[in-house]
Structures are given as structure tokens and as C-alpha cells.
């Protein structure tokens, strides 16, 4: 079982409009709802790949109940969300059908009390013995300590469970110091962590700060990875147009699935890039186009990178 942690779960709502214009009223042509938050997106993709997944984090209020109802319809995903008093947040993606651009609106999330945080930590510790790997994903809701991910990384390491961390800002800085097996920032998050805007140099610096392996999202250019086994760049054959929402989460799912299958790094990166690109091609945020994914698997280019000076 792969365990995904989403402390700031969400109900992801996607609106499609003919053309998005500021200061104007819009008729919405289509509305879709999905259980969301980064770790939930990761879990949905992992389940589609045939892996057993357990989702934990927080859920609360009427929105939280909708998230759990939607999760119940996802084959292969087990709901282990911890109830809280506050209401689960919503995220709104507005897709402009003329341009294909997406505007994202993300609520901050509910206030989590110290008692609720303690209850989550106990639930997390109970789940770890059954986990083959754990992904810690996304932002921290109000009330959760900024060092929360660092503590969760250390707990997983003590249990002997490989752990991937996908967050940003101070939560990432503190989490890296706890020595996760993998971190997966985008280029901006990595630059904020290290102070370097040269991706290869920055990935190596992040490893010196504690991460065993660093996989950096380079947007349409693919992924850059640095690990004890080597350094690689993986890229799709061409840029794909569409909605990039959830593409990074699909990359995490690719890395996690390949990790538990004990695949070598080039194969892990191939899967992650193909899934990420197939998510951009999907009509709904956080889903992936299986046909595009399978077609791209044989077309991803993975090249070895020399060490930065």
C-alpha cells in the first residue's frame, strides 16, 4: 500500500467558459468536481496505475463530506482522512476555451486545532506499518506547525518507510533538513530553497541540505533529477497544450509507483514525464489521458547530466 498525505485537502471545481474576461459576467458551459489536494491527486493516478493507495489528511464540513463521497467512487483508494471541525477548502479552476489558459483560485484551508493535529499524528503512525512508501504533499492549513512535514518525514524514516516530500517555502526548507528520500519541487520552489536559479546546481545544493534525491519540475521541458545513482534530464518529445493543473502531482505518482516497483531512475523519470504530459492533455484538472500516456512512454528522452561546477 502507498500512503499519500494531504493535510490541506480540497474539493477541486473546474469551470469552463467561452472566454475569460476581467470585470465581466460569464456563462459556465461545464462544471466538474473532483476530490483534490496534491496528495489526493497523486492517489487517484496511482490507483489508475493499479496500485493500492490509502489517503490521509484532514476533512471537515459539508465540503469535506462531498470530498469523501467522491473518493468512495475511486477504485483502489482507501479513505483514512481525519475529521476536523473546520470546513475543507475549495479550489476553483476557470478554463478559457478560446485560449486553453487556466485561472486558479485556491482557498487557504480550515483552521486545525492542536488536538486535531495530535489526532492526525496518531493516525499517521498507525498507517505507516502497512505502507510501502509515503508521499507528503501540498500546503499546510492554518494551525498546523510549519515544521509539520519535518516531523512526518522523521516518523516515516524511523518506521523504515521511503518518503517523498512535495511542498514549498518554509515547510520545504524544514522538511529537507529531516532527510526525505525524494523531494519534488518546481524550478521556482527549488530556487527559493537554495538561492540558485541554475537548476542542476540547485538540485545538488538541495541534496547537500538533506534530500537523498531531488527531482525538479521544469514545466514543458520535463524533469531534472539528482540522486546518489546519478543525474538525469527527462523531456517529452514536444510541448503539449492544455490544462497543467495536477501535472506535477501525476509526476509524483509516476515516481512513487516506480519507486515501489524498484525501477531504475531513468525508467522512473520516463514514467513521471509521460504521466505529467498526459495530465496536461486531459480535459479535467488532475486526470490523465491514458492513450497519450502510453504513446509517450516510448518517446521520452532521458539523458545523463554532468555534475555542476
Protein backbone atom coordinates (compact mmCIF):
# COMPACT_ATOMS: atom_id res chain seq x y z
CA UNK A 1 0.00 0.00 0.00
CA UNK A 2 1.21 3.50 -0.86
CA UNK A 3 0.20 6.19 1.63
CA UNK A 4 -0.45 9.76 0.47
CA UNK A 5 -0.80 12.62 2.95
CA UNK A 6 -2.79 15.73 2.06
CA UNK A 7 -3.04 18.00 5.08
CA UNK A 8 -4.92 20.62 3.04
CA UNK A 9 -7.43 18.51 1.10
CA UNK A 10 -9.81 20.29 -1.25
CA UNK A 11 -12.83 19.99 -3.46
CA UNK A 12 -11.46 20.84 -6.91
CA UNK A 13 -14.07 22.60 -9.06
CA UNK A 14 -13.41 23.26 -12.75
CA UNK A 15 -15.46 25.79 -14.70
CA UNK A 16 -15.25 26.04 -18.48
CA UNK A 17 -16.13 29.40 -20.08
CA UNK A 18 -16.00 30.51 -23.71
CA UNK A 19 -13.65 33.40 -22.96
CA UNK A 20 -12.47 34.66 -19.55
CA UNK A 21 -12.58 38.48 -19.35
CA UNK A 22 -11.93 40.66 -16.29
CA UNK A 23 -14.85 42.71 -14.91
CA UNK A 24 -17.41 40.71 -16.91
CA UNK A 25 -20.14 38.15 -16.27
CA UNK A 26 -19.60 34.68 -17.70
CA UNK A 27 -21.82 31.75 -18.57
CA UNK A 28 -20.24 28.49 -17.46
CA UNK A 29 -20.58 25.79 -20.10
CA UNK A 30 -19.43 22.87 -17.91
CA UNK A 31 -18.75 22.20 -14.23
CA UNK A 32 -16.77 19.26 -12.85
CA UNK A 33 -15.92 18.36 -9.25
CA UNK A 34 -13.10 16.11 -8.05
CA UNK A 35 -11.63 15.27 -4.64
CA UNK A 36 -8.44 17.30 -4.57
CA UNK A 37 -5.32 18.49 -2.88
CA UNK A 38 -1.95 17.34 -4.16
CA UNK A 39 -1.80 14.00 -2.34
CA UNK A 40 -5.35 13.12 -3.36
CA UNK A 41 -4.45 13.79 -6.99
CA UNK A 42 -1.39 11.57 -6.57
CA UNK A 43 -3.55 8.81 -5.09
CA UNK A 44 -6.06 8.93 -7.93
CA UNK A 45 -3.30 8.50 -10.53
CA UNK A 46 -1.63 5.72 -8.53
CA UNK A 47 -4.93 3.86 -8.33
CA UNK A 48 -5.40 4.23 -12.09
CA UNK A 49 -1.96 2.63 -12.49
CA UNK A 50 -3.13 -0.37 -10.46
CA UNK A 51 -1.61 0.41 -7.05
CA UNK A 52 -3.41 0.17 -3.72
CA UNK A 53 -3.46 3.60 -2.12
CA UNK A 54 -4.58 5.00 1.22
CA UNK A 55 -5.35 8.71 1.52
CA UNK A 56 -5.00 10.54 4.81
CA UNK A 57 -5.10 14.16 5.88
CA UNK A 58 -7.96 16.31 7.16
CA UNK A 59 -11.61 16.57 6.18
CA UNK A 60 -14.40 18.71 7.58
CA UNK A 61 -17.75 20.35 6.97
CA UNK A 62 -20.12 19.94 4.04
CA UNK A 63 -17.29 20.29 1.51
CA UNK A 64 -15.33 17.57 3.27
CA UNK A 65 -18.32 15.23 3.06
CA UNK A 66 -18.50 15.81 -0.70
CA UNK A 67 -14.78 15.03 -1.00
CA UNK A 68 -15.26 11.75 0.86
CA UNK A 69 -18.31 10.81 -1.21
CA UNK A 70 -16.30 11.37 -4.39
CA UNK A 71 -13.31 9.46 -3.01
CA UNK A 72 -15.57 6.48 -2.30
CA UNK A 73 -16.19 6.15 -6.04
CA UNK A 74 -12.46 5.91 -6.91
CA UNK A 75 -11.48 2.21 -7.22
CA UNK A 76 -8.32 1.28 -5.34
CA UNK A 77 -8.31 4.30 -3.00
CA UNK A 78 -8.94 3.84 0.74
CA UNK A 79 -10.20 6.86 2.71
CA UNK A 80 -8.34 7.36 6.01
CA UNK A 81 -8.99 11.10 6.32
CA UNK A 82 -9.14 12.51 9.87
CA UNK A 83 -12.25 14.59 10.74
CA UNK A 84 -11.90 18.17 11.97
CA UNK A 85 -14.35 20.92 12.90
CA UNK A 86 -13.33 23.37 10.15
CA UNK A 87 -14.59 23.10 6.58
CA UNK A 88 -12.43 21.60 3.83
CA UNK A 89 -11.38 24.23 1.30
CA UNK A 90 -12.36 24.56 -2.34
CA UNK A 91 -10.17 25.31 -5.35
CA UNK A 92 -11.63 26.86 -8.49
CA UNK A 93 -10.06 26.37 -11.93
CA UNK A 94 -11.54 28.50 -14.71
CA UNK A 95 -10.65 27.22 -18.17
CA UNK A 96 -10.79 29.71 -21.06
CA UNK A 97 -11.95 27.62 -24.03
CA UNK A 98 -10.62 30.10 -26.59
CA UNK A 99 -7.04 30.20 -25.33
CA UNK A 100 -6.86 27.00 -23.30
CA UNK A 101 -5.45 29.01 -20.37
CA UNK A 102 -6.49 28.19 -16.80
CA UNK A 103 -7.00 30.65 -13.94
CA UNK A 104 -6.68 29.05 -10.49
CA UNK A 105 -8.26 30.27 -7.24
CA UNK A 106 -7.18 28.41 -4.07
CA UNK A 107 -8.78 28.89 -0.67
CA UNK A 108 -6.38 28.79 2.32
CA UNK A 109 -7.97 25.87 4.16
CA UNK A 110 -9.55 25.37 7.61
CA UNK A 111 -8.00 26.15 10.99
CA UNK A 112 -6.62 22.97 12.56
CA UNK A 113 -6.53 22.84 16.36
CA UNK A 114 -3.63 21.33 18.37
CA UNK A 115 -5.92 18.47 19.42
CA UNK A 116 -6.80 17.74 15.78
CA UNK A 117 -3.13 17.83 14.79
CA UNK A 118 -2.28 15.35 17.54
CA UNK A 119 -5.08 13.04 16.36
CA UNK A 120 -3.69 13.13 12.84
CA UNK A 121 -0.17 12.27 14.01
CA UNK A 122 -1.51 9.22 15.84
CA UNK A 123 -3.46 8.09 12.77
CA UNK A 124 -0.37 8.58 10.58
CA UNK A 125 1.79 6.46 12.86
CA UNK A 126 -0.85 3.71 12.81
CA UNK A 127 -0.90 3.68 8.99
CA UNK A 128 2.86 3.60 8.39
CA UNK A 129 3.49 -0.09 9.23
CA UNK A 130 1.28 -1.10 6.28
CA UNK A 131 2.86 1.37 3.83
CA UNK A 132 5.49 0.56 1.21
CA UNK A 133 6.11 4.30 0.66
CA UNK A 134 4.60 7.62 1.69
CA UNK A 135 4.10 10.90 -0.21
CA UNK A 136 3.72 14.11 1.82
CA UNK A 137 2.11 16.65 -0.47
CA UNK A 138 0.90 20.22 -0.63
CA UNK A 139 0.39 23.26 1.53
CA UNK A 140 -0.18 23.38 5.28
CA UNK A 141 -3.60 24.54 6.51
CA UNK A 142 -3.75 27.24 9.20
CA UNK A 143 -2.90 25.94 12.66
CA UNK A 144 -0.57 23.16 11.53
CA UNK A 145 3.04 23.83 12.66
CA UNK A 146 5.39 24.98 9.91
CA UNK A 147 7.71 22.13 10.81
CA UNK A 148 4.94 19.55 10.42
CA UNK A 149 6.42 17.85 7.36
CA UNK A 150 9.83 17.59 9.01
CA UNK A 151 8.24 15.64 11.85
CA UNK A 152 6.29 13.41 9.47
CA UNK A 153 9.45 12.71 7.45
CA UNK A 154 11.32 11.68 10.60
CA UNK A 155 8.44 9.43 11.68
CA UNK A 156 8.44 7.68 8.30
CA UNK A 157 12.21 7.23 8.37
CA UNK A 158 12.03 5.76 11.87
CA UNK A 159 9.45 3.28 10.57
CA UNK A 160 11.73 2.38 7.64
CA UNK A 161 9.27 3.72 5.02
CA UNK A 162 10.65 5.65 2.00
CA UNK A 163 9.21 9.17 1.93
CA UNK A 164 8.73 11.75 -0.84
CA UNK A 165 8.11 15.40 0.08
CA UNK A 166 6.34 17.78 -2.32
CA UNK A 167 5.75 21.18 -0.74
CA UNK A 168 7.25 24.69 -0.82
CA UNK A 169 8.55 27.60 1.20
CA UNK A 170 9.47 27.23 4.85
CA UNK A 171 7.70 23.86 5.07
CA UNK A 172 10.06 22.56 2.37
CA UNK A 173 13.15 24.14 3.96
CA UNK A 174 12.46 22.48 7.29
CA UNK A 175 11.33 19.24 5.69
CA UNK A 176 14.55 18.86 3.68
CA UNK A 177 16.58 19.01 6.88
CA UNK A 178 14.75 15.89 8.09
CA UNK A 179 16.34 13.96 5.17
CA UNK A 180 13.46 12.75 2.96
CA UNK A 181 14.28 10.16 0.32
CA UNK A 182 12.97 12.38 -2.51
CA UNK A 183 11.81 15.97 -2.84
CA UNK A 184 9.97 17.19 -5.93
CA UNK A 185 9.97 20.99 -6.18
CA UNK A 186 9.37 23.03 -9.31
CA UNK A 187 12.13 25.35 -10.52
CA UNK A 188 10.81 28.37 -8.58
CA UNK A 189 10.43 26.39 -5.34
CA UNK A 190 13.93 24.98 -5.74
CA UNK A 191 15.38 28.46 -6.34
CA UNK A 192 13.61 29.75 -3.23
CA UNK A 193 15.06 26.87 -1.21
CA UNK A 194 18.65 27.15 -2.44
CA UNK A 195 19.05 30.71 -3.74
CA UNK A 196 20.29 29.35 -7.08
CA UNK A 197 18.44 29.76 -10.38
CA UNK A 198 20.68 27.24 -12.18
CA UNK A 199 18.63 24.04 -11.85
CA UNK A 200 21.42 21.45 -11.81
CA UNK A 201 23.47 23.39 -9.26
CA UNK A 202 20.32 23.93 -7.19
CA UNK A 203 19.40 20.23 -7.18
CA UNK A 204 22.84 19.35 -5.88
CA UNK A 205 22.61 22.06 -3.22
CA UNK A 206 19.22 20.68 -2.10
CA UNK A 207 20.85 17.27 -1.71
CA UNK A 208 23.53 18.79 0.49
CA UNK A 209 20.75 20.26 2.64
CA UNK A 210 19.42 16.78 3.38
CA UNK A 211 17.37 15.36 0.49
CA UNK A 212 18.67 11.99 -0.72
CA UNK A 213 17.28 12.65 -4.23
CA UNK A 214 15.87 15.78 -5.87
CA UNK A 215 13.50 15.73 -8.85
CA UNK A 216 12.78 19.21 -10.22
CA UNK A 217 9.86 20.03 -12.49
CA UNK A 218 10.95 22.19 -15.44
CA UNK A 219 7.46 22.71 -16.85
CA UNK A 220 7.17 21.84 -20.53
CA UNK A 221 10.88 20.89 -20.56
CA UNK A 222 10.31 17.86 -18.31
CA UNK A 223 12.23 16.84 -15.19
CA UNK A 224 15.76 17.17 -13.81
CA UNK A 225 16.88 14.61 -11.22
CA UNK A 226 19.90 14.26 -8.96
CA UNK A 227 20.37 11.17 -6.78
CA UNK A 228 23.24 9.09 -5.36
CA UNK A 229 23.00 6.95 -8.53
CA UNK A 230 23.46 9.86 -10.96
CA UNK A 231 21.91 12.92 -12.60
CA UNK A 232 19.44 12.90 -15.49
CA UNK A 233 17.24 15.18 -17.54
CA UNK A 234 13.99 13.72 -18.95
CA UNK A 235 11.94 15.55 -21.57
CA UNK A 236 8.82 14.91 -23.67
CA UNK A 237 9.18 14.93 -27.47
CA UNK A 238 7.27 18.22 -27.74
CA UNK A 239 5.25 20.70 -25.71
CA UNK A 240 1.60 19.77 -25.17
CA UNK A 241 -1.14 22.36 -24.91
CA UNK A 242 -3.85 22.06 -22.27
CA UNK A 243 -4.51 22.44 -18.56
CA UNK A 244 -1.33 21.96 -16.47
CA UNK A 245 -3.25 21.68 -13.18
CA UNK A 246 -2.23 18.43 -11.49
CA UNK A 247 0.66 17.69 -13.87
CA UNK A 248 3.18 17.84 -11.03
CA UNK A 249 1.03 15.52 -8.93
CA UNK A 250 0.97 12.99 -11.75
CA UNK A 251 4.75 13.20 -11.89
CA UNK A 252 4.85 12.37 -8.17
CA UNK A 253 2.55 9.39 -8.80
CA UNK A 254 4.93 8.19 -11.50
CA UNK A 255 7.91 8.49 -9.16
CA UNK A 256 6.09 6.74 -6.31
CA UNK A 257 4.82 3.85 -8.42
CA UNK A 258 8.25 3.29 -9.97
CA UNK A 259 9.88 3.52 -6.52
CA UNK A 260 7.80 0.69 -5.06
CA UNK A 261 8.33 -1.32 -8.26
CA UNK A 262 12.12 -0.89 -7.78
CA UNK A 263 12.66 0.58 -11.26
CA UNK A 264 15.96 2.32 -12.12
CA UNK A 265 15.98 6.12 -12.17
CA UNK A 266 15.75 6.59 -15.95
CA UNK A 267 12.59 4.46 -16.02
CA UNK A 268 11.15 6.36 -13.05
CA UNK A 269 11.68 9.66 -14.86
CA UNK A 270 10.24 8.31 -18.11
CA UNK A 271 7.05 7.32 -16.34
CA UNK A 272 6.83 10.59 -14.41
CA UNK A 273 7.26 12.78 -17.51
CA UNK A 274 4.80 10.73 -19.57
CA UNK A 275 2.16 10.94 -16.84
CA UNK A 276 2.74 14.66 -16.37
CA UNK A 277 2.36 15.37 -20.10
CA UNK A 278 -0.71 13.14 -20.32
CA UNK A 279 -2.28 15.16 -17.50
CA UNK A 280 -1.81 18.40 -19.44
CA UNK A 281 -3.68 16.73 -22.32
CA UNK A 282 -6.63 15.61 -20.17
CA UNK A 283 -9.85 17.65 -20.30
CA UNK A 284 -10.29 17.74 -16.49
CA UNK A 285 -7.76 19.02 -13.97
CA UNK A 286 -5.99 16.24 -12.09
CA UNK A 287 -6.78 13.43 -14.55
CA UNK A 288 -4.51 11.92 -17.20
CA UNK A 289 -5.14 10.78 -20.76
CA UNK A 290 -4.17 7.09 -20.76
CA UNK A 291 -3.77 6.94 -24.54
CA UNK A 292 -1.37 9.89 -24.53
CA UNK A 293 0.50 8.38 -21.57
CA UNK A 294 1.01 5.01 -23.23
CA UNK A 295 2.01 6.63 -26.54
CA UNK A 296 4.56 8.89 -24.83
CA UNK A 297 6.27 6.15 -22.79
CA UNK A 298 8.42 5.18 -25.76
CA UNK A 299 9.18 8.75 -26.76
CA UNK A 300 10.55 10.34 -23.58
CA UNK A 301 14.22 11.28 -23.87
CA UNK A 302 16.38 10.68 -20.79
CA UNK A 303 19.96 11.96 -20.85
CA UNK A 304 22.71 11.81 -18.25
CA UNK A 305 23.86 15.16 -16.87
CA UNK A 306 27.38 16.12 -15.89
CA UNK A 307 27.93 17.49 -12.41
CA UNK A 308 27.65 21.26 -11.96
CA UNK A 309 30.84 23.07 -11.16
